[in-house]
Amino acid sequence: MTSGALPTWLLDAVQASPLPEGAQVECETFASGAIALVVRHAGHLATVQATADRTEWGYSIDPADDDALTGHDATAPDVDTTLAAVADLLLAPERSPRR
């Protein structure tokens, strides 16, 4: 597992995404190739996970501590769709599926 720096393709996607200015993005990559992101903005937190082949992305906004192994609130087919949805929900967390 590697923590910290985003792979180049992911850094490019984050920079091109509508994530709010000042959002902090942390990345962990696993030996399998799977990726876990944490995005923080304005007191809210998004968790994002992707399969090694990057064909399945799951994301949640402000997950409860006991939700760690229960799956995500929503899924998306690619990084761009995921980051756009996360950006939208970070800017308006009341629209989160868990609310």
PDB file of N, CA and C in Angstrom:
ATOM      1  N   MET A   1       0.845  -1.174   0.000  1.00  0.00           N
ATOM      2  CA  MET A   1       0.000   0.000   0.000  1.00  0.00           C
ATOM      3  C   MET A   1       0.886   1.231   0.000  1.00  0.00           C
ATOM      4  N   THR A   2       0.579   2.163  -0.859  1.00  0.00           N
ATOM      5  CA  THR A   2       1.300   3.426  -0.909  1.00  0.00           C
ATOM      6  C   THR A   2       0.329   4.534  -0.536  1.00  0.00           C
ATOM      7  N   SER A   3       0.764   5.438   0.294  1.00  0.00           N
ATOM      8  CA  SER A   3      -0.092   6.531   0.698  1.00  0.00           C
ATOM      9  C   SER A   3       0.526   7.842   0.244  1.00  0.00           C
ATOM     10  N   GLY A   4      -0.314   8.796  -0.105  1.00  0.00           N
ATOM     11  CA  GLY A   4       0.198  10.115  -0.416  1.00  0.00           C
ATOM     12  C   GLY A   4       0.017  10.520  -1.849  1.00  0.00           C
ATOM     13  N   ALA A   5       1.092  10.481  -2.620  1.00  0.00           N
ATOM     14  CA  ALA A   5       1.092  11.024  -3.980  1.00  0.00           C
ATOM     15  C   ALA A   5       0.087  10.312  -4.874  1.00  0.00           C
ATOM     16  N   LEU A   6      -0.590  11.095  -5.669  1.00  0.00           N
ATOM     17  CA  LEU A   6      -1.532  10.538  -6.619  1.00  0.00           C
ATOM     18  C   LEU A   6      -0.787  10.096  -7.872  1.00  0.00           C
ATOM     19  N   PRO A   7      -1.180   8.948  -8.435  1.00  0.00           N
ATOM     20  CA  PRO A   7      -0.603   8.562  -9.724  1.00  0.00           C
ATOM     21  C   PRO A   7      -0.896   9.668 -10.748  1.00  0.00           C
ATOM     22  N   THR A   8      -0.063   9.806 -11.745  1.00  0.00           N
ATOM     23  CA  THR A   8      -0.191  10.881 -12.723  1.00  0.00           C
ATOM     24  C   THR A   8      -1.569  10.935 -13.360  1.00  0.00           C
ATOM     25  N   TRP A   9      -2.114   9.790 -13.774  1.00  0.00           N
ATOM     26  CA  TRP A   9      -3.428   9.779 -14.422  1.00  0.00           C
ATOM     27  C   TRP A   9      -4.509  10.292 -13.473  1.00  0.00           C
ATOM     28  N   LEU A  10      -4.369   9.983 -12.176  1.00  0.00           N
ATOM     29  CA  LEU A  10      -5.362  10.419 -11.195  1.00  0.00           C
ATOM     30  C   LEU A  10      -5.182  11.899 -10.856  1.00  0.00           C
ATOM     31  N   LEU A  11      -3.949  12.346 -10.769  1.00  0.00           N
ATOM     32  CA  LEU A  11      -3.680  13.759 -10.542  1.00  0.00           C
ATOM     33  C   LEU A  11      -4.294  14.594 -11.675  1.00  0.00           C
ATOM     34  N   ASP A  12      -4.117  14.130 -12.903  1.00  0.00           N
ATOM     35  CA  ASP A  12      -4.707  14.825 -14.051  1.00  0.00           C
ATOM     36  C   ASP A  12      -6.230  14.879 -13.937  1.00  0.00           C
ATOM     37  N   ALA A  13      -6.840  13.764 -13.531  1.00  0.00           N
ATOM     38  CA  ALA A  13      -8.297  13.700 -13.396  1.00  0.00           C
ATOM     39  C   ALA A  13      -8.783  14.638 -12.291  1.00  0.00           C
ATOM     40  N   VAL A  14      -8.072  14.674 -11.168  1.00  0.00           N
ATOM     41  CA  VAL A  14      -8.448  15.554 -10.054  1.00  0.00           C
ATOM     42  C   VAL A  14      -8.339  17.010 -10.482  1.00  0.00           C
ATOM     43  N   GLN A  15      -7.253  17.351 -11.153  1.00  0.00           N
ATOM     44  CA  GLN A  15      -7.058  18.739 -11.580  1.00  0.00           C
ATOM     45  C   GLN A  15      -8.110  19.173 -12.599  1.00  0.00           C
ATOM     46  N   ALA A  16      -8.581  18.262 -13.424  1.00  0.00           N
ATOM     47  CA  ALA A  16      -9.589  18.581 -14.431  1.00  0.00           C
ATOM     48  C   ALA A  16     -11.015  18.502 -13.874  1.00  0.00           C
ATOM     49  N   SER A  17     -11.164  17.980 -12.684  1.00  0.00           N
ATOM     50  CA  SER A  17     -12.488  17.761 -12.102  1.00  0.00           C
ATOM     51  C   SER A  17     -13.061  19.046 -11.525  1.00  0.00           C
ATOM     52  N   PRO A  18     -14.363  19.021 -11.232  1.00  0.00           N
ATOM     53  CA  PRO A  18     -14.990  20.186 -10.599  1.00  0.00           C
ATOM     54  C   PRO A  18     -14.891  20.178  -9.066  1.00  0.00           C
ATOM     55  N   LEU A  19     -13.933  19.432  -8.503  1.00  0.00           N
ATOM     56  CA  LEU A  19     -13.785  19.452  -7.047  1.00  0.00           C
ATOM     57  C   LEU A  19     -13.608  20.893  -6.587  1.00  0.00           C
ATOM     58  N   PRO A  20     -14.205  21.246  -5.449  1.00  0.00           N
ATOM     59  CA  PRO A  20     -14.123  22.633  -4.993  1.00  0.00           C
ATOM     60  C   PRO A  20     -12.688  23.063  -4.708  1.00  0.00           C
ATOM     61  N   GLU A  21     -12.432  24.337  -4.929  1.00  0.00           N
ATOM     62  CA  GLU A  21     -11.115  24.884  -4.626  1.00  0.00           C
ATOM     63  C   GLU A  21     -10.822  24.659  -3.147  1.00  0.00           C
ATOM     64  N   GLY A  22      -9.625  24.207  -2.863  1.00  0.00           N
ATOM     65  CA  GLY A  22      -9.217  23.956  -1.490  1.00  0.00           C
ATOM     66  C   GLY A  22      -9.502  22.547  -1.004  1.00  0.00           C
ATOM     67  N   ALA A  23     -10.163  21.730  -1.824  1.00  0.00           N
ATOM     68  CA  ALA A  23     -10.411  20.342  -1.427  1.00  0.00           C
ATOM     69  C   ALA A  23      -9.076  19.627  -1.274  1.00  0.00           C
ATOM     70  N   GLN A  24      -8.956  18.832  -0.232  1.00  0.00           N
ATOM     71  CA  GLN A  24      -7.735  18.054   0.005  1.00  0.00           C
ATOM     72  C   GLN A  24      -7.996  16.616  -0.416  1.00  0.00           C
ATOM     73  N   VAL A  25      -7.082  16.056  -1.195  1.00  0.00           N
ATOM     74  CA  VAL A  25      -7.234  14.696  -1.704  1.00  0.00           C
ATOM     75  C   VAL A  25      -6.057  13.860  -1.226  1.00  0.00           C
ATOM     76  N   GLU A  26      -6.368  12.735  -0.587  1.00  0.00           N
ATOM     77  CA  GLU A  26      -5.352  11.773  -0.161  1.00  0.00           C
ATOM     78  C   GLU A  26      -5.597  10.477  -0.921  1.00  0.00           C
ATOM     79  N   CYS A  27      -4.527   9.783  -1.238  1.00  0.00           N
ATOM     80  CA  CYS A  27      -4.629   8.575  -2.048  1.00  0.00           C
ATOM     81  C   CYS A  27      -3.843   7.432  -1.420  1.00  0.00           C
ATOM     82  N   GLU A  28      -4.421   6.261  -1.478  1.00  0.00           N
ATOM     83  CA  GLU A  28      -3.706   5.032  -1.144  1.00  0.00           C
ATOM     84  C   GLU A  28      -3.841   4.103  -2.331  1.00  0.00           C
ATOM     85  N   THR A  29      -2.726   3.544  -2.769  1.00  0.00           N
ATOM     86  CA  THR A  29      -2.774   2.543  -3.825  1.00  0.00           C
ATOM     87  C   THR A  29      -2.326   1.223  -3.225  1.00  0.00           C
ATOM     88  N   PHE A  30      -2.967   0.167  -3.636  1.00  0.00           N
ATOM     89  CA  PHE A  30      -2.697  -1.156  -3.104  1.00  0.00           C
ATOM     90  C   PHE A  30      -1.938  -1.995  -4.125  1.00  0.00           C
ATOM     91  N   ALA A  31      -1.271  -3.012  -3.652  1.00  0.00           N
ATOM     92  CA  ALA A  31      -0.476  -3.874  -4.527  1.00  0.00           C
ATOM     93  C   ALA A  31      -1.327  -4.453  -5.656  1.00  0.00           C
ATOM     94  N   SER A  32      -2.596  -4.662  -5.405  1.00  0.00           N
ATOM     95  CA  SER A  32      -3.502  -5.208  -6.421  1.00  0.00           C
ATOM     96  C   SER A  32      -3.797  -4.203  -7.533  1.00  0.00           C
ATOM     97  N   GLY A  33      -3.535  -2.921  -7.254  1.00  0.00           N
ATOM     98  CA  GLY A  33      -3.869  -1.861  -8.191  1.00  0.00           C
ATOM     99  C   GLY A  33      -5.116  -1.087  -7.783  1.00  0.00           C
ATOM    100  N   ALA A  34      -5.823  -1.576  -6.769  1.00  0.00           N
ATOM    101  CA  ALA A  34      -7.003  -0.865  -6.267  1.00  0.00           C
ATOM    102  C   ALA A  34      -6.572   0.468  -5.659  1.00  0.00           C
ATOM    103  N   ILE A  35      -7.502   1.399  -5.628  1.00  0.00           N
ATOM    104  CA  ILE A  35      -7.203   2.748  -5.152  1.00  0.00           C
ATOM    105  C   ILE A  35      -8.256   3.171  -4.140  1.00  0.00           C
ATOM    106  N   ALA A  36      -7.805   3.861  -3.104  1.00  0.00           N
ATOM    107  CA  ALA A  36      -8.710   4.467  -2.123  1.00  0.00           C
ATOM    108  C   ALA A  36      -8.357   5.945  -2.008  1.00  0.00           C
ATOM    109  N   LEU A  37      -9.378   6.786  -2.089  1.00  0.00           N
ATOM    110  CA  LEU A  37      -9.192   8.229  -1.949  1.00  0.00           C
ATOM    111  C   LEU A  37     -10.004   8.737  -0.766  1.00  0.00           C
ATOM    112  N   VAL A  38      -9.497   9.762  -0.139  1.00  0.00           N
ATOM    113  CA  VAL A  38     -10.249  10.531   0.838  1.00  0.00           C
ATOM    114  C   VAL A  38     -10.195  11.975   0.358  1.00  0.00           C
ATOM    115  N   VAL A  39     -11.366  12.583   0.223  1.00  0.00           N
ATOM    116  CA  VAL A  39     -11.457  13.978  -0.214  1.00  0.00           C
ATOM    117  C   VAL A  39     -12.126  14.755   0.915  1.00  0.00           C
ATOM    118  N   ARG A  40     -11.472  15.818   1.369  1.00  0.00           N
ATOM    119  CA  ARG A  40     -12.006  16.653   2.441  1.00  0.00           C
ATOM    120  C   ARG A  40     -12.260  18.070   1.918  1.00  0.00           C
ATOM    121  N   HIS A  41     -13.410  18.610   2.336  1.00  0.00           N
ATOM    122  CA  HIS A  41     -13.726  19.990   1.974  1.00  0.00           C
ATOM    123  C   HIS A  41     -14.801  20.521   2.915  1.00  0.00           C
ATOM    124  N   ALA A  42     -14.552  21.700   3.475  1.00  0.00           N
ATOM    125  CA  ALA A  42     -15.537  22.432   4.281  1.00  0.00           C
ATOM    126  C   ALA A  42     -16.173  21.566   5.363  1.00  0.00           C
ATOM    127  N   GLY A  43     -15.364  20.778   6.036  1.00  0.00           N
ATOM    128  CA  GLY A  43     -15.871  19.958   7.127  1.00  0.00           C
ATOM    129  C   GLY A  43     -16.554  18.676   6.702  1.00  0.00           C
ATOM    130  N   HIS A  44     -16.541  18.375   5.415  1.00  0.00           N
ATOM    131  CA  HIS A  44     -17.148  17.138   4.912  1.00  0.00           C
ATOM    132  C   HIS A  44     -16.051  16.222   4.369  1.00  0.00           C
ATOM    133  N   LEU A  45     -16.376  14.945   4.298  1.00  0.00           N
ATOM    134  CA  LEU A  45     -15.409  13.948   3.875  1.00  0.00           C
ATOM    135  C   LEU A  45     -16.064  13.006   2.876  1.00  0.00           C
ATOM    136  N   ALA A  46     -15.354  12.723   1.814  1.00  0.00           N
ATOM    137  CA  ALA A  46     -15.807  11.735   0.837  1.00  0.00           C
ATOM    138  C   ALA A  46     -14.798  10.600   0.802  1.00  0.00           C
ATOM    139  N   THR A  47     -15.299   9.381   0.769  1.00  0.00           N
ATOM    140  CA  THR A  47     -14.431   8.232   0.561  1.00  0.00           C
ATOM    141  C   THR A  47     -14.733   7.675  -0.822  1.00  0.00           C
ATOM    142  N   VAL A  48     -13.680   7.312  -1.526  1.00  0.00           N
ATOM    143  CA  VAL A  48     -13.798   6.797  -2.887  1.00  0.00           C
ATOM    144  C   VAL A  48     -12.901   5.579  -2.995  1.00  0.00           C
ATOM    145  N   GLN A  49     -13.412   4.530  -3.595  1.00  0.00           N
ATOM    146  CA  GLN A  49     -12.598   3.340  -3.843  1.00  0.00           C
ATOM    147  C   GLN A  49     -12.817   2.870  -5.272  1.00  0.00           C
ATOM    148  N   ALA A  50     -11.734   2.374  -5.867  1.00  0.00           N
ATOM    149  CA  ALA A  50     -11.810   1.874  -7.243  1.00  0.00           C
ATOM    150  C   ALA A  50     -11.170   0.501  -7.324  1.00  0.00           C
ATOM    151  N   THR A  51     -11.737  -0.321  -8.190  1.00  0.00           N
ATOM    152  CA  THR A  51     -11.153  -1.630  -8.445  1.00  0.00           C
ATOM    153  C   THR A  51      -9.845  -1.460  -9.210  1.00  0.00           C
ATOM    154  N   ALA A  52      -9.049  -2.493  -9.213  1.00  0.00           N
ATOM    155  CA  ALA A  52      -7.737  -2.437  -9.864  1.00  0.00           C
ATOM    156  C   ALA A  52      -7.835  -2.084 -11.342  1.00  0.00           C
ATOM    157  N   ASP A  53      -8.883  -2.543 -12.005  1.00  0.00           N
ATOM    158  CA  ASP A  53      -9.009  -2.245 -13.439  1.00  0.00           C
ATOM    159  C   ASP A  53      -9.733  -0.912 -13.697  1.00  0.00           C
ATOM    160  N   ARG A  54     -10.103  -0.202 -12.613  1.00  0.00           N
ATOM    161  CA  ARG A  54     -10.721   1.128 -12.668  1.00  0.00           C
ATOM    162  C   ARG A  54     -12.061   1.151 -13.391  1.00  0.00           C
ATOM    163  N   THR A  55     -12.756   0.015 -13.435  1.00  0.00           N
ATOM    164  CA  THR A  55     -14.056  -0.031 -14.094  1.00  0.00           C
ATOM    165  C   THR A  55     -15.214   0.119 -13.113  1.00  0.00           C
ATOM    166  N   GLU A  56     -14.916   0.080 -11.834  1.00  0.00           N
ATOM    167  CA  GLU A  56     -15.948   0.253 -10.808  1.00  0.00           C
ATOM    168  C   GLU A  56     -15.429   1.210  -9.751  1.00  0.00           C
ATOM    169  N   TRP A  57     -16.224   2.232  -9.490  1.00  0.00           N
ATOM    170  CA  TRP A  57     -15.883   3.240  -8.493  1.00  0.00           C
ATOM    171  C   TRP A  57     -17.036   3.361  -7.523  1.00  0.00           C
ATOM    172  N   GLY A  58     -16.743   3.350  -6.238  1.00  0.00           N
ATOM    173  CA  GLY A  58     -17.760   3.557  -5.219  1.00  0.00           C
ATOM    174  C   GLY A  58     -17.411   4.792  -4.418  1.00  0.00           C
ATOM    175  N   TYR A  59     -18.432   5.530  -3.984  1.00  0.00           N
ATOM    176  CA  TYR A  59     -18.152   6.722  -3.192  1.00  0.00           C
ATOM    177  C   TYR A  59     -19.254   6.959  -2.166  1.00  0.00           C
ATOM    178  N   SER A  60     -18.852   7.583  -1.071  1.00  0.00           N
ATOM    179  CA  SER A  60     -19.764   7.946   0.009  1.00  0.00           C
ATOM    180  C   SER A  60     -19.357   9.316   0.542  1.00  0.00           C
ATOM    181  N   ILE A  61     -20.330  10.065   1.012  1.00  0.00           N
ATOM    182  CA  ILE A  61     -20.085  11.370   1.610  1.00  0.00           C
ATOM    183  C   ILE A  61     -20.421  11.281   3.093  1.00  0.00           C
ATOM    184  N   ASP A  62     -19.495  11.732   3.926  1.00  0.00           N
ATOM    185  CA  ASP A  62     -19.673  11.731   5.375  1.00  0.00           C
ATOM    186  C   ASP A  62     -20.133  10.371   5.909  1.00  0.00           C
ATOM    187  N   PRO A  63     -19.417   9.300   5.580  1.00  0.00           N
ATOM    188  CA  PRO A  63     -19.827   7.986   6.084  1.00  0.00           C
ATOM    189  C   PRO A  63     -19.647   7.903   7.596  1.00  0.00           C
ATOM    190  N   ALA A  64     -20.527   7.178   8.239  1.00  0.00           N
ATOM    191  CA  ALA A  64     -20.396   6.933   9.676  1.00  0.00           C
ATOM    192  C   ALA A  64     -19.239   5.970   9.908  1.00  0.00           C
ATOM    193  N   ASP A  65     -18.632   6.046  11.073  1.00  0.00           N
ATOM    194  CA  ASP A  65     -17.502   5.166  11.388  1.00  0.00           C
ATOM    195  C   ASP A  65     -17.863   3.694  11.245  1.00  0.00           C
ATOM    196  N   ASP A  66     -19.081   3.319  11.577  1.00  0.00           N
ATOM    197  CA  ASP A  66     -19.465   1.911  11.519  1.00  0.00           C
ATOM    198  C   ASP A  66     -19.914   1.469  10.128  1.00  0.00           C
ATOM    199  N   ASP A  67     -19.812   2.357   9.125  1.00  0.00           N
ATOM    200  CA  ASP A  67     -20.161   2.014   7.747  1.00  0.00           C
ATOM    201  C   ASP A  67     -18.976   1.495   6.943  1.00  0.00           C
ATOM    202  N   ALA A  68     -17.840   1.305   7.577  1.00  0.00           N
ATOM    203  CA  ALA A  68     -16.605   0.979   6.859  1.00  0.00           C
ATOM    204  C   ALA A  68     -16.721  -0.243   5.958  1.00  0.00           C
ATOM    205  N   LEU A  69     -17.470  -1.230   6.342  1.00  0.00           N
ATOM    206  CA  LEU A  69     -17.532  -2.458   5.558  1.00  0.00           C
ATOM    207  C   LEU A  69     -18.915  -2.715   4.965  1.00  0.00           C
ATOM    208  N   THR A  70     -19.717  -1.681   4.835  1.00  0.00           N
ATOM    209  CA  THR A  70     -21.083  -1.879   4.358  1.00  0.00           C
ATOM    210  C   THR A  70     -21.295  -1.467   2.909  1.00  0.00           C
ATOM    211  N   GLY A  71     -20.270  -1.068   2.224  1.00  0.00           N
ATOM    212  CA  GLY A  71     -20.417  -0.636   0.842  1.00  0.00           C
ATOM    213  C   GLY A  71     -20.575   0.864   0.756  1.00  0.00           C
ATOM    214  N   HIS A  72     -20.647   1.360  -0.456  1.00  0.00           N
ATOM    215  CA  HIS A  72     -20.735   2.798  -0.674  1.00  0.00           C
ATOM    216  C   HIS A  72     -22.166   3.234  -0.967  1.00  0.00           C
ATOM    217  N   ASP A  73     -22.383   4.542  -0.865  1.00  0.00           N
ATOM    218  CA  ASP A  73     -23.699   5.114  -1.142  1.00  0.00           C
ATOM    219  C   ASP A  73     -24.047   5.024  -2.623  1.00  0.00           C
ATOM    220  N   ALA A  74     -23.040   5.134  -3.477  1.00  0.00           N
ATOM    221  CA  ALA A  74     -23.289   5.158  -4.915  1.00  0.00           C
ATOM    222  C   ALA A  74     -22.077   4.614  -5.655  1.00  0.00           C
ATOM    223  N   THR A  75     -22.284   4.270  -6.905  1.00  0.00           N
ATOM    224  CA  THR A  75     -21.192   3.780  -7.751  1.00  0.00           C
ATOM    225  C   THR A  75     -21.194   4.555  -9.061  1.00  0.00           C
ATOM    226  N   ALA A  76     -20.066   4.481  -9.736  1.00  0.00           N
ATOM    227  CA  ALA A  76     -19.917   5.139 -11.032  1.00  0.00           C
ATOM    228  C   ALA A  76     -18.964   4.300 -11.884  1.00  0.00           C
ATOM    229  N   PRO A  77     -19.027   4.473 -13.203  1.00  0.00           N
ATOM    230  CA  PRO A  77     -18.215   3.643 -14.086  1.00  0.00           C
ATOM    231  C   PRO A  77     -16.789   4.134 -14.315  1.00  0.00           C
ATOM    232  N   ASP A  78     -16.507   5.404 -13.937  1.00  0.00           N
ATOM    233  CA  ASP A  78     -15.175   5.923 -14.233  1.00  0.00           C
ATOM    234  C   ASP A  78     -14.814   7.047 -13.269  1.00  0.00           C
ATOM    235  N   VAL A  79     -13.557   7.441 -13.307  1.00  0.00           N
ATOM    236  CA  VAL A  79     -13.048   8.445 -12.374  1.00  0.00           C
ATOM    237  C   VAL A  79     -13.697   9.809 -12.597  1.00  0.00           C
ATOM    238  N   ASP A  80     -13.921  10.209 -13.829  1.00  0.00           N
ATOM    239  CA  ASP A  80     -14.487  11.528 -14.098  1.00  0.00           C
ATOM    240  C   ASP A  80     -15.909  11.655 -13.550  1.00  0.00           C
ATOM    241  N   THR A  81     -16.722  10.644 -13.773  1.00  0.00           N
ATOM    242  CA  THR A  81     -18.090  10.641 -13.258  1.00  0.00           C
ATOM    243  C   THR A  81     -18.083  10.647 -11.735  1.00  0.00           C
ATOM    244  N   THR A  82     -17.181   9.881 -11.160  1.00  0.00           N
ATOM    245  CA  THR A  82     -17.072   9.807  -9.705  1.00  0.00           C
ATOM    246  C   THR A  82     -16.686  11.155  -9.113  1.00  0.00           C
ATOM    247  N   LEU A  83     -15.646  11.768  -9.640  1.00  0.00           N
ATOM    248  CA  LEU A  83     -15.187  13.047  -9.090  1.00  0.00           C
ATOM    249  C   LEU A  83     -16.239  14.145  -9.271  1.00  0.00           C
ATOM    250  N   ALA A  84     -16.975  14.119 -10.355  1.00  0.00           N
ATOM    251  CA  ALA A  84     -18.037  15.104 -10.561  1.00  0.00           C
ATOM    252  C   ALA A  84     -19.144  14.923  -9.517  1.00  0.00           C
ATOM    253  N   ALA A  85     -19.525  13.684  -9.253  1.00  0.00           N
ATOM    254  CA  ALA A  85     -20.557  13.416  -8.249  1.00  0.00           C
ATOM    255  C   ALA A  85     -20.082  13.793  -6.858  1.00  0.00           C
ATOM    256  N   VAL A  86     -18.840  13.455  -6.539  1.00  0.00           N
ATOM    257  CA  VAL A  86     -18.277  13.804  -5.238  1.00  0.00           C
ATOM    258  C   VAL A  86     -18.225  15.318  -5.079  1.00  0.00           C
ATOM    259  N   ALA A  87     -17.797  16.026  -6.109  1.00  0.00           N
ATOM    260  CA  ALA A  87     -17.743  17.486  -6.049  1.00  0.00           C
ATOM    261  C   ALA A  87     -19.130  18.057  -5.768  1.00  0.00           C
ATOM    262  N   ASP A  88     -20.125  17.571  -6.483  1.00  0.00           N
ATOM    263  CA  ASP A  88     -21.493  18.042  -6.309  1.00  0.00           C
ATOM    264  C   ASP A  88     -21.964  17.803  -4.874  1.00  0.00           C
ATOM    265  N   LEU A  89     -21.690  16.628  -4.345  1.00  0.00           N
ATOM    266  CA  LEU A  89     -22.146  16.299  -2.996  1.00  0.00           C
ATOM    267  C   LEU A  89     -21.351  17.022  -1.919  1.00  0.00           C
ATOM    268  N   LEU A  90     -20.083  17.306  -2.157  1.00  0.00           N
ATOM    269  CA  LEU A  90     -19.317  18.081  -1.181  1.00  0.00           C
ATOM    270  C   LEU A  90     -19.823  19.518  -1.103  1.00  0.00           C
ATOM    271  N   LEU A  91     -20.295  20.038  -2.230  1.00  0.00           N
ATOM    272  CA  LEU A  91     -20.826  21.396  -2.252  1.00  0.00           C
ATOM    273  C   LEU A  91     -22.260  21.463  -1.731  1.00  0.00           C
ATOM    274  N   ALA A  92     -22.974  20.349  -1.771  1.00  0.00           N
ATOM    275  CA  ALA A  92     -24.361  20.298  -1.290  1.00  0.00           C
ATOM    276  C   ALA A  92     -24.594  18.951  -0.600  1.00  0.00           C
ATOM    277  N   PRO A  93     -23.968  18.723   0.565  1.00  0.00           N
ATOM    278  CA  PRO A  93     -24.034  17.410   1.215  1.00  0.00           C
ATOM    279  C   PRO A  93     -25.446  16.975   1.588  1.00  0.00           C
ATOM    280  N   GLU A  94     -26.384  17.902   1.650  1.00  0.00           N
ATOM    281  CA  GLU A  94     -27.761  17.518   1.969  1.00  0.00           C
ATOM    282  C   GLU A  94     -28.370  16.638   0.881  1.00  0.00           C
ATOM    283  N   ARG A  95     -27.775  16.613  -0.314  1.00  0.00           N
ATOM    284  CA  ARG A  95     -28.250  15.749  -1.397  1.00  0.00           C
ATOM    285  C   ARG A  95     -27.677  14.347  -1.337  1.00  0.00           C
ATOM    286  N   SER A  96     -26.824  14.075  -0.347  1.00  0.00           N
ATOM    287  CA  SER A  96     -26.227  12.760  -0.228  1.00  0.00           C
ATOM    288  C   SER A  96     -27.312  11.701  -0.047  1.00  0.00           C
ATOM    289  N   PRO A  97     -27.139  10.524  -0.655  1.00  0.00           N
ATOM    290  CA  PRO A  97     -28.131   9.454  -0.507  1.00  0.00           C
ATOM    291  C   PRO A  97     -28.357   9.042   0.944  1.00  0.00           C
ATOM    292  N   ARG A  98     -27.401   9.308   1.819  1.00  0.00           N
ATOM    293  CA  ARG A  98     -27.570   8.876   3.213  1.00  0.00           C
ATOM    294  C   ARG A  98     -28.376   9.863   4.032  1.00  0.00           C
ATOM    295  N   ARG A  99     -28.734  10.984   3.488  1.00  0.00           N
ATOM    296  CA  ARG A  99     -29.499  11.986   4.237  1.00  0.00           C
ATOM    297  C   ARG A  99     -30.978  11.725   4.112  1.00  0.00           C
TER     298      ARG A  99
END
